[in-house]
Amino acid sequence: MLLALHDTYSHVVAQIGNPAPEAPPAADKVMKVGRYFTWFTMLSGVTAITYGGGRFAWEKWSGGRVESPQMVAGAMIGGVTATSAGTIMNAIVGS
């Protein structure tokens, strides 16, 4: 009985074809939004690094007490994280 069931099952499974992959509906719009998000993330990372360096230079140039090394470090770490997130997401999604 098990051999007959196995034989019938293998004939039924053999009739099922391998479906071709196709993109889901509105996939192109989702990818476009993802690309915009990637660019925004990279731009925000570069902006954060530039702002952090500028703020640090301004405090050094003005001759006052350096009051924001934590803010500068946080801006740079946040910028690196944001820039890396965009690159990682681009690698995961693929082009």
N, C-alpha and C. Protein backbone atom coordinates (compact mmCIF):
# COMPACT_ATOMS: atom_id res chain seq x y z
N MET A 1 0.82 -1.17 0.00
CA MET A 1 0.00 0.00 0.00
C MET A 1 0.88 1.26 0.00
N LEU A 2 1.94 1.27 0.81
CA LEU A 2 2.85 2.42 0.84
C LEU A 2 3.58 2.58 -0.48
N LEU A 3 3.92 1.47 -1.12
CA LEU A 3 4.59 1.57 -2.41
C LEU A 3 3.65 2.15 -3.47
N ALA A 4 2.39 1.78 -3.42
CA ALA A 4 1.42 2.32 -4.38
C ALA A 4 1.21 3.81 -4.14
N LEU A 5 1.14 4.22 -2.86
CA LEU A 5 0.98 5.63 -2.53
C LEU A 5 2.21 6.42 -2.98
N HIS A 6 3.38 5.88 -2.78
CA HIS A 6 4.61 6.54 -3.21
C HIS A 6 4.65 6.68 -4.73
N ASP A 7 4.24 5.64 -5.43
CA ASP A 7 4.23 5.68 -6.89
C ASP A 7 3.24 6.74 -7.40
N THR A 8 2.06 6.79 -6.81
CA THR A 8 1.06 7.78 -7.22
C THR A 8 1.55 9.19 -6.89
N TYR A 9 2.13 9.37 -5.72
CA TYR A 9 2.62 10.69 -5.30
C TYR A 9 3.72 11.18 -6.24
N SER A 10 4.64 10.30 -6.62
CA SER A 10 5.73 10.73 -7.50
C SER A 10 5.21 11.09 -8.88
N HIS A 11 4.15 10.45 -9.35
CA HIS A 11 3.58 10.82 -10.66
C HIS A 11 2.87 12.17 -10.58
N VAL A 12 2.20 12.44 -9.48
CA VAL A 12 1.50 13.72 -9.32
C VAL A 12 2.50 14.87 -9.20
N VAL A 13 3.53 14.67 -8.41
CA VAL A 13 4.54 15.71 -8.21
C VAL A 13 5.30 15.97 -9.51
N ALA A 14 5.49 14.94 -10.31
CA ALA A 14 6.21 15.11 -11.57
C ALA A 14 5.42 15.99 -12.54
N GLN A 15 4.12 16.09 -12.39
CA GLN A 15 3.30 16.91 -13.28
C GLN A 15 3.35 18.40 -12.93
N ILE A 16 3.78 18.73 -11.73
CA ILE A 16 3.84 20.12 -11.31
C ILE A 16 5.12 20.75 -11.85
N GLY A 17 4.96 21.82 -12.62
CA GLY A 17 6.12 22.49 -13.23
C GLY A 17 6.80 23.44 -12.25
N ASN A 18 7.97 23.86 -12.60
CA ASN A 18 8.71 24.81 -11.81
C ASN A 18 8.29 26.21 -12.24
N PRO A 19 7.62 26.97 -11.37
CA PRO A 19 7.13 28.28 -11.79
C PRO A 19 8.28 29.27 -11.99
N ALA A 20 8.12 30.12 -12.98
CA ALA A 20 9.12 31.15 -13.24
C ALA A 20 8.94 32.30 -12.25
N PRO A 21 10.02 32.81 -11.70
CA PRO A 21 9.87 33.92 -10.76
C PRO A 21 9.44 35.20 -11.47
N GLU A 22 8.57 35.93 -10.83
CA GLU A 22 8.16 37.21 -11.39
C GLU A 22 7.99 38.21 -10.25
N ALA A 23 8.19 39.46 -10.59
CA ALA A 23 8.13 40.51 -9.57
C ALA A 23 6.70 40.71 -9.10
N PRO A 24 6.52 41.00 -7.82
CA PRO A 24 5.17 41.26 -7.31
C PRO A 24 4.64 42.59 -7.83
N PRO A 25 3.35 42.82 -7.71
CA PRO A 25 2.80 44.08 -8.17
C PRO A 25 3.41 45.26 -7.41
N ALA A 26 3.64 46.33 -8.11
CA ALA A 26 4.20 47.58 -7.58
C ALA A 26 5.61 47.42 -7.02
N ALA A 27 6.34 46.42 -7.47
CA ALA A 27 7.70 46.21 -6.99
C ALA A 27 8.62 47.33 -7.45
N ASP A 28 8.38 47.87 -8.64
CA ASP A 28 9.24 48.94 -9.13
C ASP A 28 9.10 50.21 -8.28
N LYS A 29 7.90 50.48 -7.78
CA LYS A 29 7.71 51.66 -6.93
C LYS A 29 8.39 51.47 -5.57
N VAL A 30 8.31 50.26 -5.04
CA VAL A 30 8.96 49.97 -3.75
C VAL A 30 10.47 50.09 -3.89
N MET A 31 11.02 49.59 -4.98
CA MET A 31 12.46 49.70 -5.21
C MET A 31 12.87 51.15 -5.37
N LYS A 32 12.04 51.96 -6.02
CA LYS A 32 12.35 53.38 -6.20
C LYS A 32 12.39 54.09 -4.84
N VAL A 33 11.43 53.79 -3.97
CA VAL A 33 11.42 54.38 -2.62
C VAL A 33 12.64 53.91 -1.85
N GLY A 34 13.01 52.65 -2.01
CA GLY A 34 14.21 52.13 -1.34
C GLY A 34 15.47 52.83 -1.80
N ARG A 35 15.56 53.12 -3.09
CA ARG A 35 16.73 53.84 -3.60
C ARG A 35 16.78 55.26 -3.06
N TYR A 36 15.62 55.94 -2.99
CA TYR A 36 15.58 57.28 -2.41
C TYR A 36 16.00 57.25 -0.94
N PHE A 37 15.53 56.24 -0.21
CA PHE A 37 15.90 56.11 1.20
C PHE A 37 17.39 55.88 1.36
N THR A 38 17.98 55.09 0.46
CA THR A 38 19.42 54.84 0.50
C THR A 38 20.20 56.13 0.28
N TRP A 39 19.79 56.90 -0.71
CA TRP A 39 20.47 58.17 -0.97
C TRP A 39 20.30 59.14 0.19
N PHE A 40 19.12 59.19 0.77
CA PHE A 40 18.89 60.08 1.91
C PHE A 40 19.75 59.66 3.10
N THR A 41 19.88 58.37 3.32
CA THR A 41 20.69 57.88 4.43
C THR A 41 22.16 58.22 4.22
N MET A 42 22.66 58.02 3.02
CA MET A 42 24.06 58.36 2.74
C MET A 42 24.30 59.87 2.86
N LEU A 43 23.35 60.66 2.37
CA LEU A 43 23.49 62.11 2.46
C LEU A 43 23.47 62.58 3.91
N SER A 44 22.60 61.98 4.73
CA SER A 44 22.56 62.35 6.14
C SER A 44 23.84 61.95 6.86
N GLY A 45 24.43 60.84 6.48
CA GLY A 45 25.70 60.42 7.08
C GLY A 45 26.83 61.38 6.75
N VAL A 46 26.92 61.77 5.50
CA VAL A 46 27.96 62.72 5.10
C VAL A 46 27.73 64.07 5.78
N THR A 47 26.47 64.50 5.88
CA THR A 47 26.15 65.76 6.54
C THR A 47 26.52 65.72 8.02
N ALA A 48 26.24 64.62 8.69
CA ALA A 48 26.57 64.50 10.11
C ALA A 48 28.08 64.54 10.34
N ILE A 49 28.84 63.88 9.50
CA ILE A 49 30.29 63.89 9.65
C ILE A 49 30.84 65.29 9.39
N THR A 50 30.32 65.95 8.35
CA THR A 50 30.77 67.31 8.04
C THR A 50 30.42 68.27 9.17
N TYR A 51 29.21 68.18 9.70
CA TYR A 51 28.79 69.06 10.78
C TYR A 51 29.64 68.83 12.04
N GLY A 52 29.89 67.58 12.36
CA GLY A 52 30.70 67.27 13.53
C GLY A 52 32.11 67.83 13.42
N GLY A 53 32.72 67.67 12.26
CA GLY A 53 34.06 68.22 12.05
C GLY A 53 34.07 69.73 12.08
N GLY A 54 33.06 70.36 11.48
CA GLY A 54 32.97 71.82 11.48
C GLY A 54 32.76 72.37 12.88
N ARG A 55 31.93 71.74 13.66
CA ARG A 55 31.67 72.18 15.03
C ARG A 55 32.93 72.07 15.89
N PHE A 56 33.64 70.99 15.72
CA PHE A 56 34.87 70.80 16.47
C PHE A 56 35.90 71.86 16.09
N ALA A 57 36.05 72.13 14.79
CA ALA A 57 36.99 73.13 14.32
C ALA A 57 36.60 74.53 14.81
N TRP A 58 35.31 74.83 14.81
CA TRP A 58 34.85 76.15 15.27
C TRP A 58 35.18 76.37 16.74
N GLU A 59 34.98 75.36 17.55
CA GLU A 59 35.29 75.51 18.98
C GLU A 59 36.79 75.65 19.22
N LYS A 60 37.59 74.96 18.44
CA LYS A 60 39.04 75.09 18.57
C LYS A 60 39.49 76.47 18.10
N TRP A 61 38.90 76.96 17.02
CA TRP A 61 39.31 78.24 16.43
C TRP A 61 38.88 79.42 17.30
N SER A 62 37.72 79.31 17.93
CA SER A 62 37.23 80.41 18.74
C SER A 62 38.03 80.57 20.03
N GLY A 63 38.82 79.62 20.38
CA GLY A 63 39.70 79.72 21.53
C GLY A 63 39.02 79.44 22.86
N GLY A 64 37.76 79.15 22.83
CA GLY A 64 37.05 78.85 24.07
C GLY A 64 37.28 77.42 24.51
N ARG A 65 36.60 77.09 25.57
CA ARG A 65 36.68 75.74 26.09
C ARG A 65 35.95 74.78 25.14
N VAL A 66 36.54 73.65 24.88
CA VAL A 66 35.91 72.66 24.02
C VAL A 66 34.82 71.98 24.83
N GLU A 67 33.58 72.31 24.51
CA GLU A 67 32.46 71.82 25.30
C GLU A 67 31.69 70.68 24.65
N SER A 68 32.00 70.37 23.42
CA SER A 68 31.14 69.39 22.75
C SER A 68 31.91 68.21 22.14
N PRO A 69 32.90 67.65 22.81
CA PRO A 69 33.53 66.48 22.20
C PRO A 69 32.59 65.28 22.12
N GLN A 70 31.66 65.17 23.08
CA GLN A 70 30.69 64.06 23.01
C GLN A 70 29.74 64.25 21.85
N MET A 71 29.32 65.51 21.60
CA MET A 71 28.42 65.77 20.48
C MET A 71 29.13 65.48 19.15
N VAL A 72 30.39 65.87 19.06
CA VAL A 72 31.16 65.64 17.84
C VAL A 72 31.33 64.13 17.61
N ALA A 73 31.69 63.42 18.67
CA ALA A 73 31.86 61.97 18.54
C ALA A 73 30.54 61.30 18.20
N GLY A 74 29.45 61.77 18.83
CA GLY A 74 28.14 61.20 18.52
C GLY A 74 27.71 61.46 17.10
N ALA A 75 27.99 62.68 16.59
CA ALA A 75 27.64 63.00 15.21
C ALA A 75 28.44 62.15 14.24
N MET A 76 29.71 61.95 14.53
CA MET A 76 30.54 61.13 13.64
C MET A 76 30.14 59.66 13.69
N ILE A 77 29.87 59.15 14.88
CA ILE A 77 29.43 57.76 14.98
C ILE A 77 28.08 57.57 14.30
N GLY A 78 27.17 58.53 14.52
CA GLY A 78 25.88 58.46 13.85
C GLY A 78 26.00 58.56 12.35
N GLY A 79 26.91 59.40 11.87
CA GLY A 79 27.12 59.51 10.43
C GLY A 79 27.69 58.25 9.82
N VAL A 80 28.64 57.66 10.51
CA VAL A 80 29.22 56.41 10.02
C VAL A 80 28.17 55.30 10.03
N THR A 81 27.36 55.26 11.08
CA THR A 81 26.30 54.25 11.17
C THR A 81 25.27 54.44 10.06
N ALA A 82 24.87 55.68 9.84
CA ALA A 82 23.87 55.94 8.80
C ALA A 82 24.41 55.62 7.42
N THR A 83 25.66 55.99 7.16
CA THR A 83 26.26 55.69 5.87
C THR A 83 26.42 54.18 5.68
N SER A 84 26.82 53.49 6.72
CA SER A 84 26.97 52.04 6.64
C SER A 84 25.62 51.35 6.44
N ALA A 85 24.58 51.88 7.09
CA ALA A 85 23.25 51.27 6.94
C ALA A 85 22.78 51.34 5.49
N GLY A 86 23.02 52.47 4.84
CA GLY A 86 22.64 52.58 3.43
C GLY A 86 23.39 51.59 2.57
N THR A 87 24.67 51.44 2.82
CA THR A 87 25.48 50.52 2.03
C THR A 87 25.08 49.07 2.31
N ILE A 88 24.83 48.76 3.58
CA ILE A 88 24.42 47.39 3.93
C ILE A 88 23.08 47.05 3.30
N MET A 89 22.14 47.97 3.37
CA MET A 89 20.82 47.72 2.76
C MET A 89 20.94 47.57 1.25
N ASN A 90 21.80 48.33 0.63
CA ASN A 90 21.99 48.21 -0.81
C ASN A 90 22.60 46.84 -1.15
N ALA A 91 23.48 46.35 -0.31
CA ALA A 91 24.07 45.03 -0.54
C ALA A 91 23.05 43.92 -0.32
N ILE A 92 22.17 44.11 0.68
CA ILE A 92 21.17 43.07 0.95
C ILE A 92 20.13 43.02 -0.15
N VAL A 93 19.61 44.18 -0.53
CA VAL A 93 18.57 44.22 -1.56
C VAL A 93 19.15 43.88 -2.91
N GLY A 94 20.34 44.35 -3.19
CA GLY A 94 20.99 44.09 -4.47
C GLY A 94 20.52 45.02 -5.54
N SER A 95 21.38 45.23 -6.49
CA SER A 95 21.03 46.15 -7.59
C SER A 95 20.67 45.38 -8.83
